Amino acid sequence: MARTCLFILALLTWGILIGVTGARAHPMGPSLLEIVEHEPGQAEVRWKTPVVKVLGEELRPVLPEHCQSIGDPGTETVGIAVVQRWEIACRESLEGSLIEVSGVAASKASVVVRVALADGRVLSGVLNPDQPAFAVPARQSMLDVAKSYSLFGFHHILGGLDHLVFVLGLMLLAANGRQLIATVTSFTAGHSVTLSLAVLGFVDFPPAPVEMLIAVSILFLALEVVRGNDGSPTLMRRFPWMLAFGFGLLHGLGFAGALSEIGLPAGEIPLALLSFNLGIEVGQLVFCGLLVAGYLMFRRLLRLPGLGSGQAIAAYGIGSLSVFWVLERVAAVL
């Protein structure tokens, strides 16, 4: 099934190349709005946004009307994020209050809201265009945690162009539908391992070199796709799941950076990790499904070229993007 989609994939790849070459693969990490209550009525707000923002994005916290700011916010740059902190005084309890972030509906960004109450309860949610506000609940069920973190994983993978381009390359490498499913599943298994280890603190790698190596992995995959056009199947052609699992370990470290930014809810760490991974997996499957559906929709309207030429066009498009990212990220490391 994957090989029949090559022409549509090629068009999509070059469309991405032309449209977003000037943007980073991860133009933004998750924004985080955190409210930590020191005592009833007194709290600190931490508003963390990525340095590089989506064009036209104007996100701004909208706190409950019964809360007033005390003093001017302090601003500092931490890594690739800008952090603002300020104190607030609230006449009523934060429980049951509505917390919003204006601009979410018109933005591709996701915003994680975390509220730590004075009695030790930590409540969180994910804001997106479909849910631009968070009502602080009295308590959160396991279902609420699962929903929040799965939505965060889903939106994160769909906003990560480099990861999606890598999945596209895996589709080109797979010979049939069964091999494609095994390959994408192996990629998920690989990034789930390192994601969990990194978030739990067992491994720690600086993000800049990881992002650079992710770009290199995409270039390697593009070269592997091109090599397969000479008619002699390579080892990776015969067993693409091996390549997918190996590079999945690397991509998991990239996913971990986003999840580490927002943290995991105490007492629900395994559930949050599982939900985040499931959200990523669903996002990958949706991406693959859209490509296949696009081909099925237009195959009767288009005269498709030979598979080899379509595959080569897509591979060169992927390779061009990866070279751009490699150079960009090498410059960041240096």
Protein backbone atom coordinates (compact mmCIF):
# COMPACT_ATOMS: atom_id res chain seq x y z
CA MET A 1 0.00 0.00 0.00
CA ALA A 2 2.78 2.43 0.90
CA ARG A 3 4.56 2.07 -2.44
CA THR A 4 1.41 2.94 -4.38
CA CYS A 5 1.34 6.33 -2.66
CA LEU A 6 4.73 7.49 -3.93
CA PHE A 7 3.61 10.19 -6.34
CA ILE A 8 1.33 11.86 -3.79
CA LEU A 9 4.08 11.57 -1.19
CA ALA A 10 6.51 13.20 -3.60
CA LEU A 11 4.17 16.13 -4.20
CA LEU A 12 3.58 16.51 -0.48
CA THR A 13 7.29 16.41 0.30
CA TRP A 14 8.14 19.13 -2.20
CA GLY A 15 5.19 21.19 -1.03
CA ILE A 16 6.56 21.03 2.49
CA LEU A 17 10.04 21.86 1.23
CA ILE A 18 8.87 24.97 -0.61
CA GLY A 19 6.46 26.12 2.09
CA VAL A 20 8.40 25.67 5.29
CA THR A 21 12.09 25.58 4.53
CA GLY A 22 12.39 28.94 6.24
CA ALA A 23 10.95 27.55 9.45
CA ARG A 24 12.46 25.19 11.95
CA ALA A 25 11.25 21.62 12.22
CA HIS A 26 10.20 22.41 15.77
CA PRO A 27 9.36 26.11 15.63
CA MET A 28 7.93 25.86 19.07
CA GLY A 29 7.94 23.69 22.10
CA PRO A 30 4.90 23.49 24.33
CA SER A 31 4.00 26.67 26.13
CA LEU A 32 3.47 26.17 29.84
CA LEU A 33 1.24 28.19 32.17
CA GLU A 34 1.92 27.15 35.75
CA ILE A 35 0.24 28.54 38.85
CA VAL A 36 1.73 27.50 42.18
CA GLU A 37 -0.32 28.40 45.24
CA HIS A 38 1.89 29.09 48.26
CA GLU A 39 -1.06 29.62 50.57
CA PRO A 40 -4.77 30.24 49.98
CA GLY A 41 -5.11 33.49 48.05
CA GLN A 42 -1.39 33.82 47.23
CA ALA A 43 0.25 32.21 44.20
CA GLU A 44 3.10 32.55 41.72
CA VAL A 45 2.48 32.43 37.96
CA ARG A 46 5.11 31.04 35.59
CA TRP A 47 4.50 31.63 31.87
CA LYS A 48 6.96 29.78 29.68
CA THR A 49 6.93 30.20 25.89
CA PRO A 50 9.41 29.19 23.16
CA VAL A 51 11.82 31.82 21.91
CA VAL A 52 10.88 31.01 18.30
CA LYS A 53 7.16 31.42 17.80
CA VAL A 54 4.75 30.61 15.02
CA LEU A 55 4.21 33.58 12.70
CA GLY A 56 1.26 35.61 13.94
CA GLU A 57 1.13 33.81 17.27
CA GLU A 58 0.15 36.06 20.18
CA LEU A 59 -0.48 33.90 23.21
CA ARG A 60 -1.36 35.63 26.46
CA PRO A 61 -2.56 34.14 29.77
CA VAL A 62 -6.02 35.20 30.91
CA LEU A 63 -6.32 34.55 34.64
CA PRO A 64 -9.55 34.47 36.68
CA GLU A 65 -11.16 37.85 37.26
CA HIS A 66 -10.82 37.48 41.03
CA CYS A 67 -7.02 37.30 40.74
CA GLN A 68 -4.85 40.41 40.48
CA SER A 69 -1.17 40.71 39.62
CA ILE A 70 1.24 42.00 42.24
CA GLY A 71 4.18 43.90 40.78
CA ASP A 72 5.72 43.59 37.34
CA PRO A 73 6.67 40.21 35.89
CA GLY A 74 10.31 39.22 35.79
CA THR A 75 11.58 37.86 32.48
CA GLU A 76 14.50 35.56 31.73
CA THR A 77 15.63 33.34 28.87
CA VAL A 78 16.18 29.71 29.80
CA GLY A 79 17.57 27.62 26.96
CA ILE A 80 15.16 27.96 24.04
CA ALA A 81 12.36 29.41 26.16
CA VAL A 82 11.35 32.75 27.62
CA VAL A 83 10.06 32.57 31.19
CA GLN A 84 8.00 35.22 32.93
CA ARG A 85 7.19 35.06 36.65
CA TRP A 86 4.90 37.19 38.76
CA GLU A 87 2.85 36.99 41.93
CA ILE A 88 -0.95 37.11 42.08
CA ALA A 89 -3.48 37.60 44.86
CA CYS A 90 -6.86 35.88 44.54
CA ARG A 91 -10.00 36.72 46.48
CA GLU A 92 -11.48 33.28 45.83
CA SER A 93 -10.20 29.75 45.55
CA LEU A 94 -8.53 28.68 42.32
CA GLU A 95 -10.62 25.53 42.45
CA GLY A 96 -13.46 25.93 39.97
CA SER A 97 -11.83 28.96 38.32
CA LEU A 98 -11.49 29.26 34.56
CA ILE A 99 -7.98 29.75 33.17
CA GLU A 100 -7.54 30.72 29.53
CA VAL A 101 -4.81 31.60 27.06
CA SER A 102 -5.93 34.03 24.38
CA GLY A 103 -4.69 33.29 20.88
CA VAL A 104 -4.80 29.51 21.21
CA ALA A 105 -7.73 29.20 18.83
CA ALA A 106 -5.81 30.98 16.06
CA SER A 107 -2.49 29.29 16.80
CA LYS A 108 -1.01 25.87 16.06
CA ALA A 109 0.57 25.83 19.51
CA SER A 110 -0.56 23.73 22.40
CA VAL A 111 -0.44 25.10 25.93
CA VAL A 112 -0.13 22.99 29.05
CA VAL A 113 -1.80 24.43 32.15
CA ARG A 114 -0.66 23.15 35.54
CA VAL A 115 -2.14 24.33 38.84
CA ALA A 116 -0.48 23.30 42.11
CA LEU A 117 -2.78 24.06 45.03
CA ALA A 118 -1.59 24.79 48.55
CA ASP A 119 -3.00 21.48 49.86
CA GLY A 120 -0.71 19.47 47.54
CA ARG A 121 -3.13 18.74 44.69
CA VAL A 122 -1.63 19.19 41.21
CA LEU A 123 -4.14 19.59 38.39
CA SER A 124 -3.29 19.93 34.71
CA GLY A 125 -4.81 20.17 31.26
CA VAL A 126 -3.87 20.86 27.65
CA LEU A 127 -5.27 23.85 25.80
CA ASN A 128 -5.73 23.70 22.04
CA PRO A 129 -8.02 25.29 19.42
CA ASP A 130 -10.83 22.91 20.41
CA GLN A 131 -10.37 23.56 24.14
CA PRO A 132 -8.95 27.05 24.74
CA ALA A 133 -9.83 27.17 28.46
CA PHE A 134 -9.22 25.03 31.53
CA ALA A 135 -11.64 24.86 34.45
CA VAL A 136 -9.66 23.90 37.55
CA PRO A 137 -11.39 20.76 38.88
CA ALA A 138 -11.63 19.67 42.49
CA ARG A 139 -9.74 16.52 41.56
CA GLN A 140 -8.62 14.76 38.41
CA SER A 141 -9.49 11.20 37.52
CA MET A 142 -7.19 8.79 35.73
CA LEU A 143 -9.28 9.37 32.62
CA ASP A 144 -8.61 13.13 32.80
CA VAL A 145 -4.85 12.54 33.04
CA ALA A 146 -4.92 10.06 30.16
CA LYS A 147 -6.90 12.47 27.99
CA SER A 148 -4.64 15.45 28.71
CA TYR A 149 -1.36 13.67 27.99
CA SER A 150 -2.63 11.75 24.96
CA LEU A 151 -3.85 15.02 23.43
CA PHE A 152 -0.49 16.61 24.17
CA GLY A 153 1.34 13.72 22.45
CA PHE A 154 -1.02 13.88 19.48
CA HIS A 155 -0.56 17.62 18.94
CA HIS A 156 3.18 17.41 19.53
CA ILE A 157 3.84 14.81 16.81
CA LEU A 158 1.64 16.63 14.29
CA GLY A 159 3.59 19.82 15.00
CA GLY A 160 6.98 18.12 14.65
CA LEU A 161 7.80 18.34 10.95
CA ASP A 162 11.11 16.47 11.22
CA HIS A 163 9.50 13.46 12.91
CA LEU A 164 6.71 13.38 10.31
CA VAL A 165 9.21 13.57 7.46
CA PHE A 166 11.04 10.62 9.00
CA VAL A 167 7.77 8.65 9.12
CA LEU A 168 7.19 9.57 5.47
CA GLY A 169 10.62 8.12 4.66
CA LEU A 170 9.72 4.92 6.48
CA MET A 171 6.61 4.65 4.30
CA LEU A 172 8.79 4.88 1.21
CA LEU A 173 11.14 2.23 2.57
CA ALA A 174 8.41 -0.31 3.37
CA ALA A 175 7.59 -2.78 0.58
CA ASN A 176 3.98 -3.50 1.58
CA GLY A 177 1.30 -2.72 4.12
CA ARG A 178 2.37 -5.40 6.59
CA GLN A 179 5.97 -4.21 6.51
CA LEU A 180 4.83 -0.61 6.92
CA ILE A 181 2.85 -1.45 10.07
CA ALA A 182 5.82 -3.36 11.51
CA THR A 183 8.17 -0.49 10.65
CA VAL A 184 6.06 2.28 12.18
CA THR A 185 5.40 0.13 15.27
CA SER A 186 9.15 -0.47 15.67
CA PHE A 187 9.74 3.28 15.44
CA THR A 188 7.16 3.80 18.20
CA ALA A 189 8.75 1.08 20.36
CA GLY A 190 12.17 2.66 19.97
CA HIS A 191 11.18 6.19 20.88
CA SER A 192 9.02 4.93 23.76
CA VAL A 193 12.09 3.36 25.41
CA THR A 194 14.32 6.44 25.40
CA LEU A 195 11.42 8.80 26.05
CA SER A 196 10.61 6.96 29.26
CA LEU A 197 14.25 6.68 30.34
CA ALA A 198 14.92 10.37 29.70
CA VAL A 199 11.76 11.70 31.37
CA LEU A 200 12.33 9.50 34.42
CA GLY A 201 15.91 10.80 34.70
CA PHE A 202 17.85 7.65 33.85
CA VAL A 203 19.50 9.23 30.79
CA ASP A 204 20.26 12.86 30.11
CA PHE A 205 21.47 14.31 26.82
CA PRO A 206 21.70 17.99 25.83
CA PRO A 207 18.90 18.83 23.39
CA ALA A 208 20.96 20.62 20.71
CA PRO A 209 23.14 17.61 19.72
CA VAL A 210 20.07 15.35 19.85
CA GLU A 211 18.18 17.58 17.43
CA MET A 212 21.23 17.64 15.14
CA LEU A 213 21.45 13.83 15.14
CA ILE A 214 17.72 13.58 14.41
CA ALA A 215 18.31 15.64 11.28
CA VAL A 216 21.22 13.34 10.35
CA SER A 217 18.94 10.31 10.77
CA ILE A 218 16.49 11.79 8.25
CA LEU A 219 19.34 12.33 5.78
CA PHE A 220 20.49 8.74 6.26
CA LEU A 221 16.96 7.49 5.63
CA ALA A 222 16.68 9.55 2.43
CA LEU A 223 19.97 8.07 1.18
CA GLU A 224 18.71 4.58 1.99
CA VAL A 225 15.53 5.18 -0.03
CA VAL A 226 17.59 6.39 -3.02
CA ARG A 227 19.94 3.40 -2.77
CA GLY A 228 16.99 1.06 -3.14
CA ASN A 229 16.22 2.39 -6.60
CA ASP A 230 19.13 0.50 -8.23
CA GLY A 231 17.22 -2.76 -7.91
CA SER A 232 19.47 -4.42 -5.35
CA PRO A 233 17.64 -4.63 -2.00
CA THR A 234 19.76 -3.45 0.89
CA LEU A 235 19.66 -4.88 4.40
CA MET A 236 17.55 -1.95 5.53
CA ARG A 237 15.19 -2.53 2.61
CA ARG A 238 14.66 -6.11 3.70
CA PHE A 239 14.36 -5.26 7.38
CA PRO A 240 13.27 -1.60 7.65
CA TRP A 241 11.98 -2.19 11.17
CA MET A 242 15.62 -2.48 12.32
CA LEU A 243 16.41 1.02 11.09
CA ALA A 244 13.11 2.33 12.47
CA PHE A 245 13.75 0.94 15.95
CA GLY A 246 17.35 2.18 16.07
CA PHE A 247 16.52 5.71 15.02
CA GLY A 248 13.39 5.60 17.14
CA LEU A 249 15.70 5.46 20.17
CA LEU A 250 17.19 8.76 19.01
CA HIS A 251 13.88 10.45 18.22
CA GLY A 252 12.60 9.47 21.67
CA LEU A 253 15.17 11.79 23.21
CA GLY A 254 13.66 14.60 21.12
CA PHE A 255 10.15 13.80 22.33
CA ALA A 256 11.45 13.69 25.91
CA GLY A 257 12.48 17.33 25.73
CA ALA A 258 8.88 18.41 25.22
CA LEU A 259 7.49 16.16 27.94
CA SER A 260 10.20 17.19 30.41
CA GLU A 261 9.13 20.81 29.91
CA ILE A 262 5.73 20.15 31.46
CA GLY A 263 6.60 17.33 33.83
CA LEU A 264 4.57 14.31 34.89
CA PRO A 265 1.75 14.28 37.45
CA ALA A 266 2.81 12.75 40.75
CA GLY A 267 1.09 9.43 41.33
CA GLU A 268 0.14 9.02 37.67
CA ILE A 269 3.57 8.83 36.00
CA PRO A 270 3.09 5.46 34.22
CA LEU A 271 -0.35 6.49 32.95
CA ALA A 272 0.89 9.88 31.71
CA LEU A 273 3.85 8.28 29.90
CA LEU A 274 1.64 5.66 28.29
CA SER A 275 -0.93 8.25 27.25
CA PHE A 276 1.70 10.56 25.75
CA ASN A 277 3.14 7.65 23.72
CA LEU A 278 -0.33 6.60 22.58
CA GLY A 279 -1.03 10.16 21.48
CA ILE A 280 2.17 10.15 19.40
CA GLU A 281 1.26 6.77 17.88
CA VAL A 282 -2.23 7.94 16.95
CA GLY A 283 -0.76 11.09 15.39
CA GLN A 284 1.61 8.99 13.29
CA LEU A 285 -1.21 6.73 12.14
CA VAL A 286 -3.37 9.73 11.26
CA PHE A 287 -0.50 11.17 9.23
CA CYS A 288 0.00 7.88 7.34
CA GLY A 289 -3.75 7.51 6.86
CA LEU A 290 -4.08 10.98 5.38
CA LEU A 291 -1.34 10.24 2.85
CA VAL A 292 -2.96 6.98 1.82
CA ALA A 293 -6.39 8.60 1.65
CA GLY A 294 -4.98 11.40 -0.48
CA TYR A 295 -3.63 8.91 -2.97
CA LEU A 296 -6.87 6.93 -3.09
CA MET A 297 -8.80 10.12 -3.68
CA PHE A 298 -6.70 11.38 -6.58
CA ARG A 299 -5.36 8.23 -8.25
CA ARG A 300 -8.21 8.22 -10.78
CA LEU A 301 -7.62 11.86 -11.63
CA LEU A 302 -3.83 11.61 -12.08
CA ARG A 303 -1.64 9.60 -14.35
CA LEU A 304 1.00 8.40 -11.97
CA PRO A 305 4.62 8.18 -13.12
CA GLY A 306 6.72 5.09 -12.50
CA LEU A 307 7.24 4.13 -8.89
CA GLY A 308 10.98 4.58 -9.10
CA SER A 309 10.81 8.19 -10.29
CA GLY A 310 8.17 9.13 -7.76
CA GLN A 311 10.18 7.53 -4.98
CA ALA A 312 13.32 9.36 -6.05
CA ILE A 313 11.54 12.73 -6.09
CA ALA A 314 10.22 12.14 -2.58
CA ALA A 315 13.62 10.94 -1.34
CA TYR A 316 15.41 14.00 -2.74
CA GLY A 317 12.80 16.23 -1.13
CA ILE A 318 13.35 14.56 2.23
CA GLY A 319 17.11 14.75 1.77
CA SER A 320 16.97 18.46 0.94
CA LEU A 321 15.00 19.22 4.08
CA SER A 322 17.34 17.11 6.21
CA VAL A 323 20.45 18.89 4.86
CA PHE A 324 18.88 22.24 5.74
CA TRP A 325 18.12 21.01 9.27
CA VAL A 326 21.58 19.49 9.71
CA LEU A 327 23.30 22.76 8.79
CA GLU A 328 20.91 24.78 10.95
CA ARG A 329 21.43 22.55 13.98
CA VAL A 330 25.18 22.23 13.56
CA ALA A 331 25.31 26.03 13.66
CA ALA A 332 23.22 25.95 16.84
CA VAL A 333 25.60 23.47 18.49
CA LEU A 334 28.67 25.48 17.48
